[in-house]
Amino acid sequence: MPPSYVKPYLKRHKNDMADAEAICETVTRPTVRFVPVKSPEQQGLMVLHRTRLVMTRQRTQPLQRDPGHMAEFGLTAAIGREGLGKLISVILDCADERVTREARVCLTMLVDQLRLVNV
């Protein structure tokens, strides 16, 4: 049963007893429609879609996040993977003093995370 059907019958603060009472109240209504139970195949397909969404998000976040961090130091590059590659080379170059030691440690961890996701 969708939570949106139960919410109108919730009378007081959220706790298990109040939730159970609201569910019982909702189930007794003749106009309430129930959500069908998903088959294992449908559940497996949903896991596939959610996993793909997470992986895609993890691959695109660094393309937005890392250039933003580098812009704090006045370092910019072209949009996309090529520009990010140039910024990564600045991060990994310990002789480059445009990035502070503290920031370099954090940014290096983010670069390592990006490499793990892009394997």
N, C-alpha and C. Protein backbone atom coordinates (compact mmCIF):
# COMPACT_ATOMS: atom_id res chain seq x y z
N MET A 1 0.85 -1.16 0.00
CA MET A 1 0.00 0.00 0.00
C MET A 1 0.91 1.24 0.00
N PRO A 2 0.66 2.21 -0.87
CA PRO A 2 1.50 3.39 -0.90
C PRO A 2 1.35 4.21 0.38
N PRO A 3 2.45 4.75 0.90
CA PRO A 3 2.39 5.56 2.12
C PRO A 3 1.46 6.77 1.99
N SER A 4 1.29 7.27 0.79
CA SER A 4 0.42 8.44 0.60
C SER A 4 -1.04 8.12 0.96
N TYR A 5 -1.43 6.85 0.89
CA TYR A 5 -2.79 6.47 1.28
C TYR A 5 -2.94 6.44 2.79
N VAL A 6 -1.86 6.12 3.48
CA VAL A 6 -1.91 5.95 4.93
C VAL A 6 -1.79 7.30 5.64
N LYS A 7 -1.03 8.22 5.08
CA LYS A 7 -0.72 9.49 5.73
C LYS A 7 -1.95 10.25 6.22
N PRO A 8 -3.05 10.34 5.47
CA PRO A 8 -4.21 11.08 5.98
C PRO A 8 -4.81 10.51 7.26
N TYR A 9 -4.56 9.24 7.54
CA TYR A 9 -5.14 8.60 8.72
C TYR A 9 -4.21 8.61 9.92
N LEU A 10 -3.04 9.18 9.76
CA LEU A 10 -2.09 9.26 10.87
C LEU A 10 -2.53 10.41 11.78
N LYS A 11 -2.87 10.09 13.03
CA LYS A 11 -3.50 11.07 13.91
C LYS A 11 -2.52 11.83 14.80
N ARG A 12 -1.39 11.23 15.11
CA ARG A 12 -0.45 11.91 16.02
C ARG A 12 0.97 11.64 15.57
N HIS A 13 1.89 11.90 16.44
CA HIS A 13 3.30 11.80 16.08
C HIS A 13 3.68 10.43 15.54
N LYS A 14 4.76 10.43 14.77
CA LYS A 14 5.19 9.20 14.10
C LYS A 14 5.83 8.24 15.11
N ASN A 15 5.20 7.10 15.28
CA ASN A 15 5.78 5.98 16.02
C ASN A 15 5.10 4.72 15.51
N ASP A 16 5.60 3.58 15.91
CA ASP A 16 5.10 2.32 15.36
C ASP A 16 3.62 2.11 15.65
N MET A 17 3.19 2.45 16.84
CA MET A 17 1.80 2.23 17.21
C MET A 17 0.87 3.12 16.38
N ALA A 18 1.25 4.38 16.21
CA ALA A 18 0.43 5.29 15.41
C ALA A 18 0.41 4.85 13.94
N ASP A 19 1.56 4.39 13.44
CA ASP A 19 1.62 3.90 12.06
C ASP A 19 0.71 2.69 11.87
N ALA A 20 0.77 1.75 12.81
CA ALA A 20 -0.06 0.55 12.71
C ALA A 20 -1.54 0.91 12.74
N GLU A 21 -1.91 1.84 13.59
CA GLU A 21 -3.31 2.26 13.68
C GLU A 21 -3.76 2.91 12.36
N ALA A 22 -2.91 3.74 11.78
CA ALA A 22 -3.25 4.41 10.52
C ALA A 22 -3.36 3.39 9.38
N ILE A 23 -2.50 2.39 9.38
CA ILE A 23 -2.58 1.35 8.35
C ILE A 23 -3.88 0.56 8.48
N CYS A 24 -4.23 0.20 9.70
CA CYS A 24 -5.48 -0.55 9.93
C CYS A 24 -6.68 0.28 9.48
N GLU A 25 -6.67 1.56 9.79
CA GLU A 25 -7.75 2.45 9.38
C GLU A 25 -7.85 2.52 7.87
N THR A 26 -6.70 2.63 7.21
CA THR A 26 -6.68 2.75 5.76
C THR A 26 -7.18 1.48 5.08
N VAL A 27 -6.77 0.33 5.57
CA VAL A 27 -7.12 -0.95 4.95
C VAL A 27 -8.63 -1.17 4.97
N THR A 28 -9.30 -0.63 5.95
CA THR A 28 -10.76 -0.85 6.05
C THR A 28 -11.55 0.02 5.08
N ARG A 29 -10.91 1.00 4.45
CA ARG A 29 -11.62 1.86 3.49
C ARG A 29 -11.86 1.12 2.18
N PRO A 30 -13.06 1.21 1.64
CA PRO A 30 -13.38 0.45 0.42
C PRO A 30 -12.71 1.00 -0.85
N THR A 31 -12.31 2.25 -0.84
CA THR A 31 -11.77 2.85 -2.08
C THR A 31 -10.25 2.77 -2.18
N VAL A 32 -9.60 2.17 -1.21
CA VAL A 32 -8.14 2.11 -1.23
C VAL A 32 -7.68 1.04 -2.22
N ARG A 33 -6.74 1.44 -3.08
CA ARG A 33 -6.16 0.50 -4.04
C ARG A 33 -4.83 0.02 -3.48
N PHE A 34 -4.52 -1.24 -3.72
CA PHE A 34 -3.29 -1.82 -3.19
C PHE A 34 -2.26 -1.95 -4.30
N VAL A 35 -0.99 -1.84 -3.94
CA VAL A 35 0.12 -2.02 -4.87
C VAL A 35 0.35 -3.52 -5.04
N PRO A 36 0.42 -4.01 -6.28
CA PRO A 36 0.66 -5.44 -6.45
C PRO A 36 2.07 -5.83 -6.00
N VAL A 37 2.22 -7.04 -5.52
CA VAL A 37 3.51 -7.54 -5.09
C VAL A 37 4.37 -7.79 -6.33
N LYS A 38 5.62 -7.35 -6.27
CA LYS A 38 6.52 -7.52 -7.41
C LYS A 38 7.11 -8.94 -7.41
N SER A 39 7.29 -9.45 -8.59
CA SER A 39 7.92 -10.77 -8.73
C SER A 39 9.42 -10.63 -8.50
N PRO A 40 10.11 -11.74 -8.22
CA PRO A 40 11.57 -11.66 -8.05
C PRO A 40 12.26 -11.09 -9.30
N GLU A 41 11.72 -11.38 -10.49
CA GLU A 41 12.30 -10.85 -11.72
C GLU A 41 12.17 -9.33 -11.77
N GLN A 42 11.00 -8.83 -11.38
CA GLN A 42 10.78 -7.38 -11.36
C GLN A 42 11.68 -6.71 -10.34
N GLN A 43 11.83 -7.33 -9.18
CA GLN A 43 12.70 -6.76 -8.14
C GLN A 43 14.15 -6.74 -8.61
N GLY A 44 14.57 -7.81 -9.28
CA GLY A 44 15.93 -7.88 -9.81
C GLY A 44 16.19 -6.81 -10.84
N LEU A 45 15.19 -6.55 -11.69
CA LEU A 45 15.33 -5.50 -12.70
C LEU A 45 15.42 -4.13 -12.06
N MET A 46 14.67 -3.91 -10.99
CA MET A 46 14.74 -2.63 -10.28
C MET A 46 16.11 -2.43 -9.64
N VAL A 47 16.69 -3.50 -9.10
CA VAL A 47 18.04 -3.42 -8.53
C VAL A 47 19.03 -3.05 -9.62
N LEU A 48 18.87 -3.64 -10.79
CA LEU A 48 19.74 -3.33 -11.92
C LEU A 48 19.66 -1.84 -12.27
N HIS A 49 18.45 -1.31 -12.38
CA HIS A 49 18.28 0.11 -12.73
C HIS A 49 18.84 1.04 -11.66
N ARG A 50 18.59 0.71 -10.39
CA ARG A 50 19.11 1.57 -9.31
C ARG A 50 20.63 1.53 -9.24
N THR A 51 21.20 0.36 -9.46
CA THR A 51 22.66 0.23 -9.45
C THR A 51 23.27 1.03 -10.59
N ARG A 52 22.66 0.95 -11.76
CA ARG A 52 23.15 1.73 -12.89
C ARG A 52 23.08 3.22 -12.60
N LEU A 53 22.00 3.66 -11.97
CA LEU A 53 21.84 5.07 -11.62
C LEU A 53 22.94 5.52 -10.66
N VAL A 54 23.23 4.70 -9.65
CA VAL A 54 24.28 5.04 -8.68
C VAL A 54 25.64 5.11 -9.37
N MET A 55 25.93 4.13 -10.21
CA MET A 55 27.23 4.11 -10.89
C MET A 55 27.38 5.31 -11.83
N THR A 56 26.32 5.64 -12.54
CA THR A 56 26.37 6.80 -13.44
C THR A 56 26.59 8.08 -12.64
N ARG A 57 25.91 8.19 -11.53
CA ARG A 57 26.05 9.38 -10.68
C ARG A 57 27.48 9.48 -10.14
N GLN A 58 28.05 8.35 -9.73
CA GLN A 58 29.41 8.36 -9.19
C GLN A 58 30.44 8.71 -10.26
N ARG A 59 30.14 8.42 -11.51
CA ARG A 59 31.08 8.77 -12.59
C ARG A 59 30.97 10.23 -12.97
N THR A 60 29.77 10.82 -12.87
CA THR A 60 29.60 12.21 -13.29
C THR A 60 29.87 13.22 -12.19
N GLN A 61 29.74 12.83 -10.93
CA GLN A 61 29.98 13.78 -9.83
C GLN A 61 31.37 14.40 -9.88
N PRO A 62 32.44 13.62 -10.08
CA PRO A 62 33.77 14.23 -10.10
C PRO A 62 33.94 15.25 -11.23
N LEU A 63 33.23 15.05 -12.33
CA LEU A 63 33.34 16.00 -13.43
C LEU A 63 32.80 17.37 -13.05
N GLN A 64 31.95 17.43 -12.06
CA GLN A 64 31.41 18.69 -11.58
C GLN A 64 32.10 19.15 -10.30
N ARG A 65 32.40 18.21 -9.42
CA ARG A 65 32.94 18.52 -8.10
C ARG A 65 34.39 18.97 -8.16
N ASP A 66 35.25 18.21 -8.82
CA ASP A 66 36.68 18.48 -8.78
C ASP A 66 37.06 19.81 -9.43
N PRO A 67 36.51 20.15 -10.60
CA PRO A 67 36.82 21.48 -11.14
C PRO A 67 36.35 22.61 -10.23
N GLY A 68 35.28 22.40 -9.52
CA GLY A 68 34.81 23.41 -8.56
C GLY A 68 35.81 23.63 -7.44
N HIS A 69 36.36 22.53 -6.92
CA HIS A 69 37.38 22.64 -5.87
C HIS A 69 38.61 23.36 -6.40
N MET A 70 39.02 23.03 -7.61
CA MET A 70 40.22 23.63 -8.17
C MET A 70 40.01 25.11 -8.49
N ALA A 71 38.79 25.48 -8.83
CA ALA A 71 38.49 26.89 -9.11
C ALA A 71 38.71 27.75 -7.86
N GLU A 72 38.59 27.15 -6.68
CA GLU A 72 38.86 27.88 -5.44
C GLU A 72 40.31 28.38 -5.38
N PHE A 73 41.18 27.69 -6.11
CA PHE A 73 42.59 28.08 -6.16
C PHE A 73 42.92 28.87 -7.42
N GLY A 74 41.89 29.22 -8.19
CA GLY A 74 42.09 29.97 -9.42
C GLY A 74 42.51 29.11 -10.59
N LEU A 75 42.39 27.81 -10.47
CA LEU A 75 42.78 26.89 -11.54
C LEU A 75 41.53 26.42 -12.27
N THR A 76 41.46 26.69 -13.55
CA THR A 76 40.32 26.27 -14.36
C THR A 76 40.82 25.50 -15.57
N ALA A 77 39.93 24.74 -16.15
CA ALA A 77 40.26 23.97 -17.35
C ALA A 77 38.98 23.79 -18.16
N ALA A 78 39.14 23.26 -19.34
CA ALA A 78 37.99 23.02 -20.21
C ALA A 78 37.02 22.04 -19.56
N ILE A 79 35.78 22.14 -19.95
CA ILE A 79 34.75 21.24 -19.42
C ILE A 79 34.95 19.85 -20.01
N GLY A 80 34.74 18.83 -19.22
CA GLY A 80 34.82 17.45 -19.70
C GLY A 80 36.03 16.72 -19.17
N ARG A 81 36.22 15.53 -19.68
CA ARG A 81 37.29 14.65 -19.20
C ARG A 81 38.68 15.20 -19.47
N GLU A 82 38.88 15.85 -20.63
CA GLU A 82 40.20 16.38 -20.95
C GLU A 82 40.59 17.46 -19.95
N GLY A 83 39.66 18.36 -19.68
CA GLY A 83 39.93 19.43 -18.71
C GLY A 83 40.17 18.86 -17.33
N LEU A 84 39.39 17.87 -16.95
CA LEU A 84 39.57 17.24 -15.64
C LEU A 84 40.93 16.55 -15.57
N GLY A 85 41.36 15.95 -16.67
CA GLY A 85 42.68 15.31 -16.71
C GLY A 85 43.80 16.31 -16.43
N LYS A 86 43.68 17.52 -16.98
CA LYS A 86 44.69 18.56 -16.74
C LYS A 86 44.69 18.97 -15.27
N LEU A 87 43.49 19.09 -14.68
CA LEU A 87 43.42 19.46 -13.26
C LEU A 87 43.98 18.34 -12.38
N ILE A 88 43.75 17.10 -12.76
CA ILE A 88 44.28 15.98 -12.00
C ILE A 88 45.80 15.99 -12.03
N SER A 89 46.38 16.33 -13.17
CA SER A 89 47.85 16.39 -13.24
C SER A 89 48.39 17.47 -12.32
N VAL A 90 47.68 18.58 -12.16
CA VAL A 90 48.10 19.62 -11.21
C VAL A 90 47.99 19.10 -9.78
N ILE A 91 46.90 18.37 -9.49
CA ILE A 91 46.70 17.83 -8.14
C ILE A 91 47.83 16.86 -7.78
N LEU A 92 48.20 16.00 -8.71
CA LEU A 92 49.19 14.97 -8.43
C LEU A 92 50.64 15.47 -8.49
N ASP A 93 50.85 16.68 -9.01
CA ASP A 93 52.20 17.25 -9.09
C ASP A 93 52.53 17.93 -7.76
N CYS A 94 53.27 17.25 -6.92
CA CYS A 94 53.59 17.78 -5.58
C CYS A 94 54.46 19.03 -5.66
N ALA A 95 55.15 19.25 -6.76
CA ALA A 95 55.99 20.43 -6.91
C ALA A 95 55.16 21.68 -7.23
N ASP A 96 53.93 21.50 -7.68
CA ASP A 96 53.06 22.64 -8.02
C ASP A 96 52.53 23.25 -6.73
N GLU A 97 52.91 24.49 -6.46
CA GLU A 97 52.56 25.13 -5.19
C GLU A 97 51.26 25.91 -5.25
N ARG A 98 50.52 25.80 -6.35
CA ARG A 98 49.25 26.52 -6.45
C ARG A 98 48.17 25.88 -5.58
N VAL A 99 48.38 24.62 -5.21
CA VAL A 99 47.42 23.90 -4.36
C VAL A 99 48.09 23.65 -3.02
N THR A 100 47.40 23.98 -1.94
CA THR A 100 47.97 23.79 -0.60
C THR A 100 48.11 22.30 -0.28
N ARG A 101 48.97 22.00 0.68
CA ARG A 101 49.22 20.61 1.07
C ARG A 101 47.94 19.94 1.57
N GLU A 102 47.19 20.66 2.41
CA GLU A 102 45.94 20.09 2.96
C GLU A 102 44.94 19.78 1.84
N ALA A 103 44.80 20.72 0.91
CA ALA A 103 43.86 20.51 -0.19
C ALA A 103 44.35 19.37 -1.08
N ARG A 104 45.66 19.29 -1.30
CA ARG A 104 46.20 18.24 -2.17
C ARG A 104 45.90 16.86 -1.59
N VAL A 105 45.99 16.71 -0.27
CA VAL A 105 45.68 15.42 0.36
C VAL A 105 44.23 15.03 0.09
N CYS A 106 43.32 15.98 0.29
CA CYS A 106 41.89 15.70 0.07
C CYS A 106 41.59 15.45 -1.40
N LEU A 107 42.15 16.29 -2.27
CA LEU A 107 41.89 16.14 -3.70
C LEU A 107 42.49 14.85 -4.25
N THR A 108 43.61 14.41 -3.69
CA THR A 108 44.21 13.14 -4.12
C THR A 108 43.28 11.98 -3.78
N MET A 109 42.64 12.05 -2.62
CA MET A 109 41.66 11.00 -2.28
C MET A 109 40.51 10.98 -3.28
N LEU A 110 40.05 12.18 -3.70
CA LEU A 110 38.97 12.24 -4.67
C LEU A 110 39.41 11.71 -6.04
N VAL A 111 40.66 11.97 -6.41
CA VAL A 111 41.20 11.43 -7.66
C VAL A 111 41.26 9.90 -7.59
N ASP A 112 41.69 9.37 -6.45
CA ASP A 112 41.73 7.91 -6.28
C ASP A 112 40.34 7.30 -6.39
N GLN A 113 39.36 7.99 -5.81
CA GLN A 113 37.98 7.51 -5.90
C GLN A 113 37.52 7.51 -7.36
N LEU A 114 37.85 8.55 -8.09
CA LEU A 114 37.49 8.62 -9.51
C LEU A 114 38.11 7.48 -10.29
N ARG A 115 39.35 7.15 -9.99
CA ARG A 115 40.02 6.05 -10.69
C ARG A 115 39.34 4.71 -10.39
N LEU A 116 38.90 4.52 -9.16
CA LEU A 116 38.20 3.28 -8.81
C LEU A 116 36.88 3.15 -9.57
N VAL A 117 36.17 4.23 -9.69
CA VAL A 117 34.86 4.20 -10.37
C VAL A 117 35.03 3.99 -11.87
N ASN A 118 36.10 4.50 -12.44
CA ASN A 118 36.29 4.43 -13.89
C ASN A 118 37.05 3.19 -14.34
N VAL A 119 37.27 2.24 -13.45
CA VAL A 119 37.99 1.02 -13.83
C VAL A 119 37.17 0.23 -14.82
